[in-house]
Amino acid sequence: MNNILTYNGFIGSVHFSAEDNVFFGKIEEINDLITFEGSTVQELKDAFYFMVDEHIKDCKSDNIPVKKSYKGTFNVRITPELHRKAAVSAKMHGTTLNNFVKKAIENSIEYAH
């Protein structure tokens, strides 16, 4: 099941509250917490589109980045056995563990266009 919305290069998470009988979500990959909701799928989409447009407008007027920035480094928690296997495989391929993991990520990413 695809629990995301996309619009204008932004991703929105999608959830449902049975208790409140409402769909809700938040805009991902931004520095602020911006949520949206709707009683129907169309209301949820409309609210997401509206909040993305408002976020872009607010960021431009405040001269701040519209998207979250990334440093290019992060920690990955894996089992010691998987760590060992990756390190051995990297050596067998004549590369570093960092480059091995980078290539594995590049080969696994799917872009939603």
PDB file of N, CA and C in Angstrom:
ATOM      1  N   MET A   1       0.839  -1.186   0.000  1.00  0.00           N
ATOM      2  CA  MET A   1       0.000   0.000   0.000  1.00  0.00           C
ATOM      3  C   MET A   1       0.877   1.239   0.000  1.00  0.00           C
ATOM      4  N   ASN A   2       0.540   2.192  -0.818  1.00  0.00           N
ATOM      5  CA  ASN A   2       1.303   3.428  -0.948  1.00  0.00           C
ATOM      6  C   ASN A   2       0.717   4.469   0.001  1.00  0.00           C
ATOM      7  N   ASN A   3       1.421   4.759   1.093  1.00  0.00           N
ATOM      8  CA  ASN A   3       0.924   5.681   2.101  1.00  0.00           C
ATOM      9  C   ASN A   3       1.555   7.060   1.986  1.00  0.00           C
ATOM     10  N   ILE A   4       1.730   7.520   0.753  1.00  0.00           N
ATOM     11  CA  ILE A   4       2.287   8.857   0.552  1.00  0.00           C
ATOM     12  C   ILE A   4       1.506   9.595  -0.526  1.00  0.00           C
ATOM     13  N   LEU A   5       1.591  10.898  -0.440  1.00  0.00           N
ATOM     14  CA  LEU A   5       1.103  11.771  -1.505  1.00  0.00           C
ATOM     15  C   LEU A   5       2.317  12.509  -2.041  1.00  0.00           C
ATOM     16  N   THR A   6       2.297  12.856  -3.312  1.00  0.00           N
ATOM     17  CA  THR A   6       3.358  13.683  -3.876  1.00  0.00           C
ATOM     18  C   THR A   6       2.730  14.857  -4.594  1.00  0.00           C
ATOM     19  N   TYR A   7       3.429  15.980  -4.499  1.00  0.00           N
ATOM     20  CA  TYR A   7       2.953  17.194  -5.169  1.00  0.00           C
ATOM     21  C   TYR A   7       4.096  18.190  -5.226  1.00  0.00           C
ATOM     22  N   ASN A   8       4.375  18.696  -6.407  1.00  0.00           N
ATOM     23  CA  ASN A   8       5.346  19.766  -6.591  1.00  0.00           C
ATOM     24  C   ASN A   8       6.703  19.438  -5.956  1.00  0.00           C
ATOM     25  N   GLY A   9       7.095  18.158  -6.019  1.00  0.00           N
ATOM     26  CA  GLY A   9       8.376  17.734  -5.462  1.00  0.00           C
ATOM     27  C   GLY A   9       8.358  17.450  -3.979  1.00  0.00           C
ATOM     28  N   PHE A  10       7.193  17.503  -3.341  1.00  0.00           N
ATOM     29  CA  PHE A  10       7.073  17.254  -1.907  1.00  0.00           C
ATOM     30  C   PHE A  10       6.386  15.919  -1.661  1.00  0.00           C
ATOM     31  N   ILE A  11       6.671  15.326  -0.518  1.00  0.00           N
ATOM     32  CA  ILE A  11       6.077  14.070  -0.098  1.00  0.00           C
ATOM     33  C   ILE A  11       5.252  14.332   1.155  1.00  0.00           C
ATOM     34  N   GLY A  12       4.073  13.753   1.194  1.00  0.00           N
ATOM     35  CA  GLY A  12       3.234  13.830   2.383  1.00  0.00           C
ATOM     36  C   GLY A  12       2.899  12.442   2.875  1.00  0.00           C
ATOM     37  N   SER A  13       3.049  12.223   4.181  1.00  0.00           N
ATOM     38  CA  SER A  13       2.657  10.942   4.759  1.00  0.00           C
ATOM     39  C   SER A  13       1.135  10.873   4.823  1.00  0.00           C
ATOM     40  N   VAL A  14       0.592   9.661   4.841  1.00  0.00           N
ATOM     41  CA  VAL A  14      -0.858   9.471   4.896  1.00  0.00           C
ATOM     42  C   VAL A  14      -1.182   8.447   5.982  1.00  0.00           C
ATOM     43  N   HIS A  15      -2.106   8.816   6.857  1.00  0.00           N
ATOM     44  CA  HIS A  15      -2.549   7.934   7.937  1.00  0.00           C
ATOM     45  C   HIS A  15      -4.061   8.072   8.068  1.00  0.00           C
ATOM     46  N   PHE A  16      -4.649   7.133   8.800  1.00  0.00           N
ATOM     47  CA  PHE A  16      -6.083   7.199   9.047  1.00  0.00           C
ATOM     48  C   PHE A  16      -6.346   6.969  10.518  1.00  0.00           C
ATOM     49  N   SER A  17      -7.188   7.797  11.113  1.00  0.00           N
ATOM     50  CA  SER A  17      -7.610   7.628  12.499  1.00  0.00           C
ATOM     51  C   SER A  17      -9.037   7.095  12.497  1.00  0.00           C
ATOM     52  N   ALA A  18      -9.193   5.830  12.872  1.00  0.00           N
ATOM     53  CA  ALA A  18     -10.529   5.239  12.953  1.00  0.00           C
ATOM     54  C   ALA A  18     -11.331   5.899  14.065  1.00  0.00           C
ATOM     55  N   GLU A  19     -10.657   6.291  15.135  1.00  0.00           N
ATOM     56  CA  GLU A  19     -11.325   6.948  16.266  1.00  0.00           C
ATOM     57  C   GLU A  19     -11.954   8.274  15.852  1.00  0.00           C
ATOM     58  N   ASP A  20     -11.211   9.063  15.060  1.00  0.00           N
ATOM     59  CA  ASP A  20     -11.702  10.375  14.624  1.00  0.00           C
ATOM     60  C   ASP A  20     -12.352  10.337  13.247  1.00  0.00           C
ATOM     61  N   ASN A  21     -12.231   9.183  12.559  1.00  0.00           N
ATOM     62  CA  ASN A  21     -12.763   9.031  11.212  1.00  0.00           C
ATOM     63  C   ASN A  21     -12.217  10.103  10.263  1.00  0.00           C
ATOM     64  N   VAL A  22     -10.889  10.265  10.285  1.00  0.00           N
ATOM     65  CA  VAL A  22     -10.251  11.297   9.469  1.00  0.00           C
ATOM     66  C   VAL A  22      -8.909  10.788   8.932  1.00  0.00           C
ATOM     67  N   PHE A  23      -8.601  11.196   7.720  1.00  0.00           N
ATOM     68  CA  PHE A  23      -7.273  10.984   7.153  1.00  0.00           C
ATOM     69  C   PHE A  23      -6.398  12.153   7.593  1.00  0.00           C
ATOM     70  N   PHE A  24      -5.116  11.889   7.849  1.00  0.00           N
ATOM     71  CA  PHE A  24      -4.213  12.967   8.237  1.00  0.00           C
ATOM     72  C   PHE A  24      -2.800  12.638   7.775  1.00  0.00           C
ATOM     73  N   GLY A  25      -1.963  13.644   7.756  1.00  0.00           N
ATOM     74  CA  GLY A  25      -0.578  13.435   7.361  1.00  0.00           C
ATOM     75  C   GLY A  25       0.258  14.644   7.667  1.00  0.00           C
ATOM     76  N   LYS A  26       1.516  14.571   7.279  1.00  0.00           N
ATOM     77  CA  LYS A  26       2.425  15.707   7.427  1.00  0.00           C
ATOM     78  C   LYS A  26       3.322  15.789   6.212  1.00  0.00           C
ATOM     79  N   ILE A  27       3.801  16.983   5.948  1.00  0.00           N
ATOM     80  CA  ILE A  27       4.746  17.175   4.845  1.00  0.00           C
ATOM     81  C   ILE A  27       6.107  16.692   5.331  1.00  0.00           C
ATOM     82  N   GLU A  28       6.709  15.794   4.583  1.00  0.00           N
ATOM     83  CA  GLU A  28       8.015  15.224   4.928  1.00  0.00           C
ATOM     84  C   GLU A  28       9.143  16.043   4.303  1.00  0.00           C
ATOM     85  N   GLU A  29      10.334  15.878   4.824  1.00  0.00           N
ATOM     86  CA  GLU A  29      11.565  16.483   4.304  1.00  0.00           C
ATOM     87  C   GLU A  29      11.573  18.006   4.319  1.00  0.00           C
ATOM     88  N   ILE A  30      10.950  18.577   5.349  1.00  0.00           N
ATOM     89  CA  ILE A  30      11.025  20.021   5.550  1.00  0.00           C
ATOM     90  C   ILE A  30      11.446  20.259   6.996  1.00  0.00           C
ATOM     91  N   ASN A  31      11.867  21.468   7.299  1.00  0.00           N
ATOM     92  CA  ASN A  31      12.351  21.778   8.639  1.00  0.00           C
ATOM     93  C   ASN A  31      11.236  22.094   9.627  1.00  0.00           C
ATOM     94  N   ASP A  32      10.025  22.313   9.145  1.00  0.00           N
ATOM     95  CA  ASP A  32       8.887  22.628  10.003  1.00  0.00           C
ATOM     96  C   ASP A  32       7.970  21.424  10.128  1.00  0.00           C
ATOM     97  N   LEU A  33       7.067  21.477  11.111  1.00  0.00           N
ATOM     98  CA  LEU A  33       6.027  20.468  11.224  1.00  0.00           C
ATOM     99  C   LEU A  33       4.758  21.051  10.646  1.00  0.00           C
ATOM    100  N   ILE A  34       4.381  20.560   9.469  1.00  0.00           N
ATOM    101  CA  ILE A  34       3.165  21.022   8.798  1.00  0.00           C
ATOM    102  C   ILE A  34       2.288  19.814   8.542  1.00  0.00           C
ATOM    103  N   THR A  35       1.085  19.844   9.118  1.00  0.00           N
ATOM    104  CA  THR A  35       0.156  18.736   8.994  1.00  0.00           C
ATOM    105  C   THR A  35      -1.035  19.134   8.136  1.00  0.00           C
ATOM    106  N   PHE A  36      -1.789  18.124   7.727  1.00  0.00           N
ATOM    107  CA  PHE A  36      -2.998  18.348   6.933  1.00  0.00           C
ATOM    108  C   PHE A  36      -3.951  17.206   7.217  1.00  0.00           C
ATOM    109  N   GLU A  37      -5.235  17.404   6.965  1.00  0.00           N
ATOM    110  CA  GLU A  37      -6.208  16.342   7.196  1.00  0.00           C
ATOM    111  C   GLU A  37      -7.425  16.527   6.310  1.00  0.00           C
ATOM    112  N   GLY A  38      -8.226  15.472   6.235  1.00  0.00           N
ATOM    113  CA  GLY A  38      -9.462  15.523   5.465  1.00  0.00           C
ATOM    114  C   GLY A  38     -10.345  14.331   5.784  1.00  0.00           C
ATOM    115  N   SER A  39     -11.627  14.505   5.599  1.00  0.00           N
ATOM    116  CA  SER A  39     -12.593  13.420   5.855  1.00  0.00           C
ATOM    117  C   SER A  39     -12.677  12.448   4.689  1.00  0.00           C
ATOM    118  N   THR A  40     -12.274  12.888   3.510  1.00  0.00           N
ATOM    119  CA  THR A  40     -12.256  12.025   2.326  1.00  0.00           C
ATOM    120  C   THR A  40     -10.861  12.070   1.726  1.00  0.00           C
ATOM    121  N   VAL A  41     -10.594  11.161   0.822  1.00  0.00           N
ATOM    122  CA  VAL A  41      -9.299  11.147   0.143  1.00  0.00           C
ATOM    123  C   VAL A  41      -9.096  12.452  -0.611  1.00  0.00           C
ATOM    124  N   GLN A  42     -10.123  12.931  -1.297  1.00  0.00           N
ATOM    125  CA  GLN A  42      -9.987  14.185  -2.049  1.00  0.00           C
ATOM    126  C   GLN A  42      -9.734  15.368  -1.117  1.00  0.00           C
ATOM    127  N   GLU A  43     -10.418  15.419   0.016  1.00  0.00           N
ATOM    128  CA  GLU A  43     -10.170  16.492   0.990  1.00  0.00           C
ATOM    129  C   GLU A  43      -8.733  16.433   1.503  1.00  0.00           C
ATOM    130  N   LEU A  44      -8.231  15.211   1.740  1.00  0.00           N
ATOM    131  CA  LEU A  44      -6.847  15.046   2.197  1.00  0.00           C
ATOM    132  C   LEU A  44      -5.877  15.560   1.146  1.00  0.00           C
ATOM    133  N   LYS A  45      -6.090  15.180  -0.109  1.00  0.00           N
ATOM    134  CA  LYS A  45      -5.219  15.645  -1.197  1.00  0.00           C
ATOM    135  C   LYS A  45      -5.272  17.162  -1.325  1.00  0.00           C
ATOM    136  N   ASP A  46      -6.463  17.717  -1.305  1.00  0.00           N
ATOM    137  CA  ASP A  46      -6.602  19.170  -1.426  1.00  0.00           C
ATOM    138  C   ASP A  46      -5.893  19.886  -0.287  1.00  0.00           C
ATOM    139  N   ALA A  47      -6.018  19.360   0.933  1.00  0.00           N
ATOM    140  CA  ALA A  47      -5.360  19.969   2.093  1.00  0.00           C
ATOM    141  C   ALA A  47      -3.837  19.881   1.955  1.00  0.00           C
ATOM    142  N   PHE A  48      -3.348  18.745   1.468  1.00  0.00           N
ATOM    143  CA  PHE A  48      -1.907  18.579   1.251  1.00  0.00           C
ATOM    144  C   PHE A  48      -1.399  19.574   0.215  1.00  0.00           C
ATOM    145  N   TYR A  49      -2.079  19.663  -0.916  1.00  0.00           N
ATOM    146  CA  TYR A  49      -1.671  20.596  -1.967  1.00  0.00           C
ATOM    147  C   TYR A  49      -1.658  22.028  -1.438  1.00  0.00           C
ATOM    148  N   PHE A  50      -2.695  22.391  -0.700  1.00  0.00           N
ATOM    149  CA  PHE A  50      -2.790  23.744  -0.151  1.00  0.00           C
ATOM    150  C   PHE A  50      -1.637  24.021   0.806  1.00  0.00           C
ATOM    151  N   MET A  51      -1.355  23.074   1.702  1.00  0.00           N
ATOM    152  CA  MET A  51      -0.292  23.293   2.694  1.00  0.00           C
ATOM    153  C   MET A  51       1.090  23.354   2.042  1.00  0.00           C
ATOM    154  N   VAL A  52       1.312  22.568   0.997  1.00  0.00           N
ATOM    155  CA  VAL A  52       2.590  22.647   0.267  1.00  0.00           C
ATOM    156  C   VAL A  52       2.729  24.033  -0.354  1.00  0.00           C
ATOM    157  N   ASP A  53       1.684  24.496  -1.023  1.00  0.00           N
ATOM    158  CA  ASP A  53       1.734  25.826  -1.644  1.00  0.00           C
ATOM    159  C   ASP A  53       1.967  26.916  -0.605  1.00  0.00           C
ATOM    160  N   GLU A  54       1.306  26.812   0.552  1.00  0.00           N
ATOM    161  CA  GLU A  54       1.490  27.794   1.624  1.00  0.00           C
ATOM    162  C   GLU A  54       2.915  27.740   2.173  1.00  0.00           C
ATOM    163  N   HIS A  55       3.445  26.535   2.331  1.00  0.00           N
ATOM    164  CA  HIS A  55       4.819  26.370   2.831  1.00  0.00           C
ATOM    165  C   HIS A  55       5.818  27.036   1.880  1.00  0.00           C
ATOM    166  N   ILE A  56       5.666  26.778   0.593  1.00  0.00           N
ATOM    167  CA  ILE A  56       6.562  27.384  -0.394  1.00  0.00           C
ATOM    168  C   ILE A  56       6.459  28.904  -0.339  1.00  0.00           C
ATOM    169  N   LYS A  57       5.254  29.417  -0.302  1.00  0.00           N
ATOM    170  CA  LYS A  57       5.033  30.858  -0.247  1.00  0.00           C
ATOM    171  C   LYS A  57       5.656  31.463   1.015  1.00  0.00           C
ATOM    172  N   ASP A  58       5.449  30.824   2.168  1.00  0.00           N
ATOM    173  CA  ASP A  58       6.006  31.324   3.425  1.00  0.00           C
ATOM    174  C   ASP A  58       7.535  31.304   3.413  1.00  0.00           C
ATOM    175  N   CYS A  59       8.110  30.232   2.890  1.00  0.00           N
ATOM    176  CA  CYS A  59       9.573  30.128   2.842  1.00  0.00           C
ATOM    177  C   CYS A  59      10.166  31.195   1.932  1.00  0.00           C
ATOM    178  N   LYS A  60       9.533  31.416   0.806  1.00  0.00           N
ATOM    179  CA  LYS A  60      10.029  32.445  -0.111  1.00  0.00           C
ATOM    180  C   LYS A  60       9.933  33.830   0.517  1.00  0.00           C
ATOM    181  N   SER A  61       8.830  34.114   1.206  1.00  0.00           N
ATOM    182  CA  SER A  61       8.674  35.441   1.812  1.00  0.00           C
ATOM    183  C   SER A  61       9.636  35.634   2.983  1.00  0.00           C
ATOM    184  N   ASP A  62       9.984  34.533   3.684  1.00  0.00           N
ATOM    185  CA  ASP A  62      10.931  34.614   4.799  1.00  0.00           C
ATOM    186  C   ASP A  62      12.368  34.351   4.371  1.00  0.00           C
ATOM    187  N   ASN A  63      12.564  34.082   3.083  1.00  0.00           N
ATOM    188  CA  ASN A  63      13.888  33.819   2.518  1.00  0.00           C
ATOM    189  C   ASN A  63      14.603  32.656   3.233  1.00  0.00           C
ATOM    190  N   ILE A  64      13.871  31.550   3.417  1.00  0.00           N
ATOM    191  CA  ILE A  64      14.445  30.345   4.023  1.00  0.00           C
ATOM    192  C   ILE A  64      14.256  29.174   3.069  1.00  0.00           C
ATOM    193  N   PRO A  65      15.088  28.136   3.197  1.00  0.00           N
ATOM    194  CA  PRO A  65      14.981  26.986   2.290  1.00  0.00           C
ATOM    195  C   PRO A  65      13.632  26.278   2.418  1.00  0.00           C
ATOM    196  N   VAL A  66      13.084  25.845   1.304  1.00  0.00           N
ATOM    197  CA  VAL A  66      11.793  25.155   1.322  1.00  0.00           C
ATOM    198  C   VAL A  66      11.943  23.680   1.683  1.00  0.00           C
ATOM    199  N   LYS A  67      13.108  23.114   1.472  1.00  0.00           N
ATOM    200  CA  LYS A  67      13.360  21.703   1.767  1.00  0.00           C
ATOM    201  C   LYS A  67      14.419  21.569   2.856  1.00  0.00           C
ATOM    202  N   LYS A  68      14.355  20.483   3.567  1.00  0.00           N
ATOM    203  CA  LYS A  68      15.340  20.144   4.583  1.00  0.00           C
ATOM    204  C   LYS A  68      16.674  19.868   3.880  1.00  0.00           C
ATOM    205  N   SER A  69      17.770  20.311   4.459  1.00  0.00           N
ATOM    206  CA  SER A  69      19.079  20.019   3.874  1.00  0.00           C
ATOM    207  C   SER A  69      19.656  18.767   4.539  1.00  0.00           C
ATOM    208  N   TYR A  70      20.470  18.062   3.797  1.00  0.00           N
ATOM    209  CA  TYR A  70      21.094  16.848   4.295  1.00  0.00           C
ATOM    210  C   TYR A  70      22.606  17.009   4.245  1.00  0.00           C
ATOM    211  N   LYS A  71      23.300  16.443   5.261  1.00  0.00           N
ATOM    212  CA  LYS A  71      24.753  16.556   5.357  1.00  0.00           C
ATOM    213  C   LYS A  71      25.478  15.562   4.458  1.00  0.00           C
ATOM    214  N   GLY A  72      24.839  14.443   4.163  1.00  0.00           N
ATOM    215  CA  GLY A  72      25.501  13.414   3.369  1.00  0.00           C
ATOM    216  C   GLY A  72      26.140  12.338   4.220  1.00  0.00           C
ATOM    217  N   THR A  73      25.965  12.413   5.525  1.00  0.00           N
ATOM    218  CA  THR A  73      26.450  11.363   6.421  1.00  0.00           C
ATOM    219  C   THR A  73      25.317  10.960   7.347  1.00  0.00           C
ATOM    220  N   PHE A  74      25.275   9.671   7.677  1.00  0.00           N
ATOM    221  CA  PHE A  74      24.270   9.182   8.619  1.00  0.00           C
ATOM    222  C   PHE A  74      24.731   7.841   9.177  1.00  0.00           C
ATOM    223  N   ASN A  75      24.198   7.471  10.330  1.00  0.00           N
ATOM    224  CA  ASN A  75      24.507   6.186  10.955  1.00  0.00           C
ATOM    225  C   ASN A  75      23.465   5.166  10.540  1.00  0.00           C
ATOM    226  N   VAL A  76      23.922   3.953  10.274  1.00  0.00           N
ATOM    227  CA  VAL A  76      23.027   2.864   9.935  1.00  0.00           C
ATOM    228  C   VAL A  76      23.248   1.763  10.968  1.00  0.00           C
ATOM    229  N   ARG A  77      22.179   1.313  11.598  1.00  0.00           N
ATOM    230  CA  ARG A  77      22.293   0.254  12.599  1.00  0.00           C
ATOM    231  C   ARG A  77      21.931  -1.074  11.952  1.00  0.00           C
ATOM    232  N   ILE A  78      22.893  -1.991  11.943  1.00  0.00           N
ATOM    233  CA  ILE A  78      22.697  -3.326  11.391  1.00  0.00           C
ATOM    234  C   ILE A  78      23.286  -4.329  12.371  1.00  0.00           C
ATOM    235  N   THR A  79      23.003  -5.585  12.140  1.00  0.00           N
ATOM    236  CA  THR A  79      23.563  -6.613  13.017  1.00  0.00           C
ATOM    237  C   THR A  79      25.061  -6.730  12.772  1.00  0.00           C
ATOM    238  N   PRO A  80      25.798  -7.180  13.784  1.00  0.00           N
ATOM    239  CA  PRO A  80      27.245  -7.395  13.584  1.00  0.00           C
ATOM    240  C   PRO A  80      27.528  -8.368  12.437  1.00  0.00           C
ATOM    241  N   GLU A  81      26.699  -9.389  12.274  1.00  0.00           N
ATOM    242  CA  GLU A  81      26.907 -10.363  11.199  1.00  0.00           C
ATOM    243  C   GLU A  81      26.745  -9.727   9.825  1.00  0.00           C
ATOM    244  N   LEU A  82      25.715  -8.883   9.658  1.00  0.00           N
ATOM    245  CA  LEU A  82      25.530  -8.191   8.381  1.00  0.00           C
ATOM    246  C   LEU A  82      26.679  -7.211   8.135  1.00  0.00           C
ATOM    247  N   HIS A  83      27.143  -6.560   9.183  1.00  0.00           N
ATOM    248  CA  HIS A  83      28.287  -5.643   9.087  1.00  0.00           C
ATOM    249  C   HIS A  83      29.509  -6.412   8.569  1.00  0.00           C
ATOM    250  N   ARG A  84      29.759  -7.597   9.163  1.00  0.00           N
ATOM    251  CA  ARG A  84      30.905  -8.413   8.745  1.00  0.00           C
ATOM    252  C   ARG A  84      30.768  -8.825   7.287  1.00  0.00           C
ATOM    253  N   LYS A  85      29.565  -9.279   6.902  1.00  0.00           N
ATOM    254  CA  LYS A  85      29.347  -9.712   5.522  1.00  0.00           C
ATOM    255  C   LYS A  85      29.556  -8.563   4.541  1.00  0.00           C
ATOM    256  N   ALA A  86      29.078  -7.378   4.893  1.00  0.00           N
ATOM    257  CA  ALA A  86      29.250  -6.215   4.012  1.00  0.00           C
ATOM    258  C   ALA A  86      30.720  -5.840   3.904  1.00  0.00           C
ATOM    259  N   ALA A  87      31.442  -5.882   5.017  1.00  0.00           N
ATOM    260  CA  ALA A  87      32.869  -5.544   4.998  1.00  0.00           C
ATOM    261  C   ALA A  87      33.657  -6.547   4.143  1.00  0.00           C
ATOM    262  N   VAL A  88      33.341  -7.815   4.284  1.00  0.00           N
ATOM    263  CA  VAL A  88      34.015  -8.846   3.484  1.00  0.00           C
ATOM    264  C   VAL A  88      33.672  -8.676   2.012  1.00  0.00           C
ATOM    265  N   SER A  89      32.416  -8.443   1.717  1.00  0.00           N
ATOM    266  CA  SER A  89      31.997  -8.264   0.333  1.00  0.00           C
ATOM    267  C   SER A  89      32.670  -7.042  -0.290  1.00  0.00           C
ATOM    268  N   ALA A  90      32.783  -5.961   0.474  1.00  0.00           N
ATOM    269  CA  ALA A  90      33.467  -4.762  -0.021  1.00  0.00           C
ATOM    270  C   ALA A  90      34.910  -5.090  -0.372  1.00  0.00           C
ATOM    271  N   LYS A  91      35.579  -5.803   0.526  1.00  0.00           N
ATOM    272  CA  LYS A  91      36.978  -6.191   0.267  1.00  0.00           C
ATOM    273  C   LYS A  91      37.070  -7.052  -1.000  1.00  0.00           C
ATOM    274  N   MET A  92      36.134  -7.981  -1.143  1.00  0.00           N
ATOM    275  CA  MET A  92      36.137  -8.867  -2.305  1.00  0.00           C
ATOM    276  C   MET A  92      35.921  -8.098  -3.604  1.00  0.00           C
ATOM    277  N   HIS A  93      35.208  -6.971  -3.523  1.00  0.00           N
ATOM    278  CA  HIS A  93      34.968  -6.131  -4.694  1.00  0.00           C
ATOM    279  C   HIS A  93      36.040  -5.044  -4.853  1.00  0.00           C
ATOM    280  N   GLY A  94      37.031  -5.036  -3.959  1.00  0.00           N
ATOM    281  CA  GLY A  94      38.130  -4.088  -4.071  1.00  0.00           C
ATOM    282  C   GLY A  94      37.718  -2.651  -3.779  1.00  0.00           C
ATOM    283  N   THR A  95      36.807  -2.478  -2.854  1.00  0.00           N
ATOM    284  CA  THR A  95      36.343  -1.133  -2.527  1.00  0.00           C
ATOM    285  C   THR A  95      36.227  -0.986  -1.018  1.00  0.00           C
ATOM    286  N   THR A  96      35.920   0.208  -0.588  1.00  0.00           N
ATOM    287  CA  THR A  96      35.716   0.465   0.835  1.00  0.00           C
ATOM    288  C   THR A  96      34.293   0.102   1.228  1.00  0.00           C
ATOM    289  N   LEU A  97      34.082  -0.093   2.517  1.00  0.00           N
ATOM    290  CA  LEU A  97      32.735  -0.367   3.014  1.00  0.00           C
ATOM    291  C   LEU A  97      31.814   0.809   2.698  1.00  0.00           C
ATOM    292  N   ASN A  98      32.315   2.021   2.836  1.00  0.00           N
ATOM    293  CA  ASN A  98      31.509   3.204   2.541  1.00  0.00           C
ATOM    294  C   ASN A  98      31.042   3.201   1.084  1.00  0.00           C
ATOM    295  N   ASN A  99      31.959   2.956   0.152  1.00  0.00           N
ATOM    296  CA  ASN A  99      31.585   2.929  -1.271  1.00  0.00           C
ATOM    297  C   ASN A  99      30.663   1.760  -1.592  1.00  0.00           C
ATOM    298  N   PHE A 100      30.871   0.634  -0.914  1.00  0.00           N
ATOM    299  CA  PHE A 100      30.020  -0.528  -1.117  1.00  0.00           C
ATOM    300  C   PHE A 100      28.581  -0.210  -0.713  1.00  0.00           C
ATOM    301  N   VAL A 101      28.409   0.404   0.455  1.00  0.00           N
ATOM    302  CA  VAL A 101      27.075   0.768   0.940  1.00  0.00           C
ATOM    303  C   VAL A 101      26.461   1.842   0.054  1.00  0.00           C
ATOM    304  N   LYS A 102      27.272   2.815  -0.352  1.00  0.00           N
ATOM    305  CA  LYS A 102      26.782   3.882  -1.238  1.00  0.00           C
ATOM    306  C   LYS A 102      26.223   3.292  -2.528  1.00  0.00           C
ATOM    307  N   LYS A 103      26.970   2.367  -3.141  1.00  0.00           N
ATOM    308  CA  LYS A 103      26.516   1.728  -4.382  1.00  0.00           C
ATOM    309  C   LYS A 103      25.236   0.919  -4.144  1.00  0.00           C
ATOM    310  N   ALA A 104      25.160   0.218  -3.019  1.00  0.00           N
ATOM    311  CA  ALA A 104      23.968  -0.572  -2.709  1.00  0.00           C
ATOM    312  C   ALA A 104      22.746   0.335  -2.590  1.00  0.00           C
ATOM    313  N   ILE A 105      22.910   1.476  -1.960  1.00  0.00           N
ATOM    314  CA  ILE A 105      21.797   2.428  -1.829  1.00  0.00           C
ATOM    315  C   ILE A 105      21.429   2.975  -3.189  1.00  0.00           C
ATOM    316  N   GLU A 106      22.414   3.403  -3.977  1.00  0.00           N
ATOM    317  CA  GLU A 106      22.141   3.927  -5.322  1.00  0.00           C
ATOM    318  C   GLU A 106      21.376   2.913  -6.158  1.00  0.00           C
ATOM    319  N   ASN A 107      21.739   1.650  -6.050  1.00  0.00           N
ATOM    320  CA  ASN A 107      21.091   0.603  -6.845  1.00  0.00           C
ATOM    321  C   ASN A 107      19.688   0.265  -6.345  1.00  0.00           C
ATOM    322  N   SER A 108      19.361   0.661  -5.133  1.00  0.00           N
ATOM    323  CA  SER A 108      18.053   0.309  -4.533  1.00  0.00           C
ATOM    324  C   SER A 108      17.028   1.438  -4.583  1.00  0.00           C
ATOM    325  N   ILE A 109      17.466   2.650  -4.844  1.00  0.00           N
ATOM    326  CA  ILE A 109      16.542   3.788  -4.769  1.00  0.00           C
ATOM    327  C   ILE A 109      15.614   3.830  -5.967  1.00  0.00           C
ATOM    328  N   GLU A 110      14.349   4.097  -5.669  1.00  0.00           N
ATOM    329  CA  GLU A 110      13.357   4.323  -6.702  1.00  0.00           C
ATOM    330  C   GLU A 110      12.866   5.748  -6.529  1.00  0.00           C
ATOM    331  N   TYR A 111      12.927   6.535  -7.577  1.00  0.00           N
ATOM    332  CA  TYR A 111      12.456   7.906  -7.521  1.00  0.00           C
ATOM    333  C   TYR A 111      11.015   7.977  -7.998  1.00  0.00           C
ATOM    334  N   ALA A 112      10.182   8.644  -7.253  1.00  0.00           N
ATOM    335  CA  ALA A 112       8.789   8.861  -7.663  1.00  0.00           C
ATOM    336  C   ALA A 112       8.727  10.158  -8.455  1.00  0.00           C
ATOM    337  N   HIS A 113       8.496  10.030  -9.711  1.00  0.00           N
ATOM    338  CA  HIS A 113       8.401  11.229 -10.566  1.00  0.00           C
ATOM    339  C   HIS A 113       6.993  11.437 -11.013  1.00  0.00           C
TER     340      HIS A 113
END
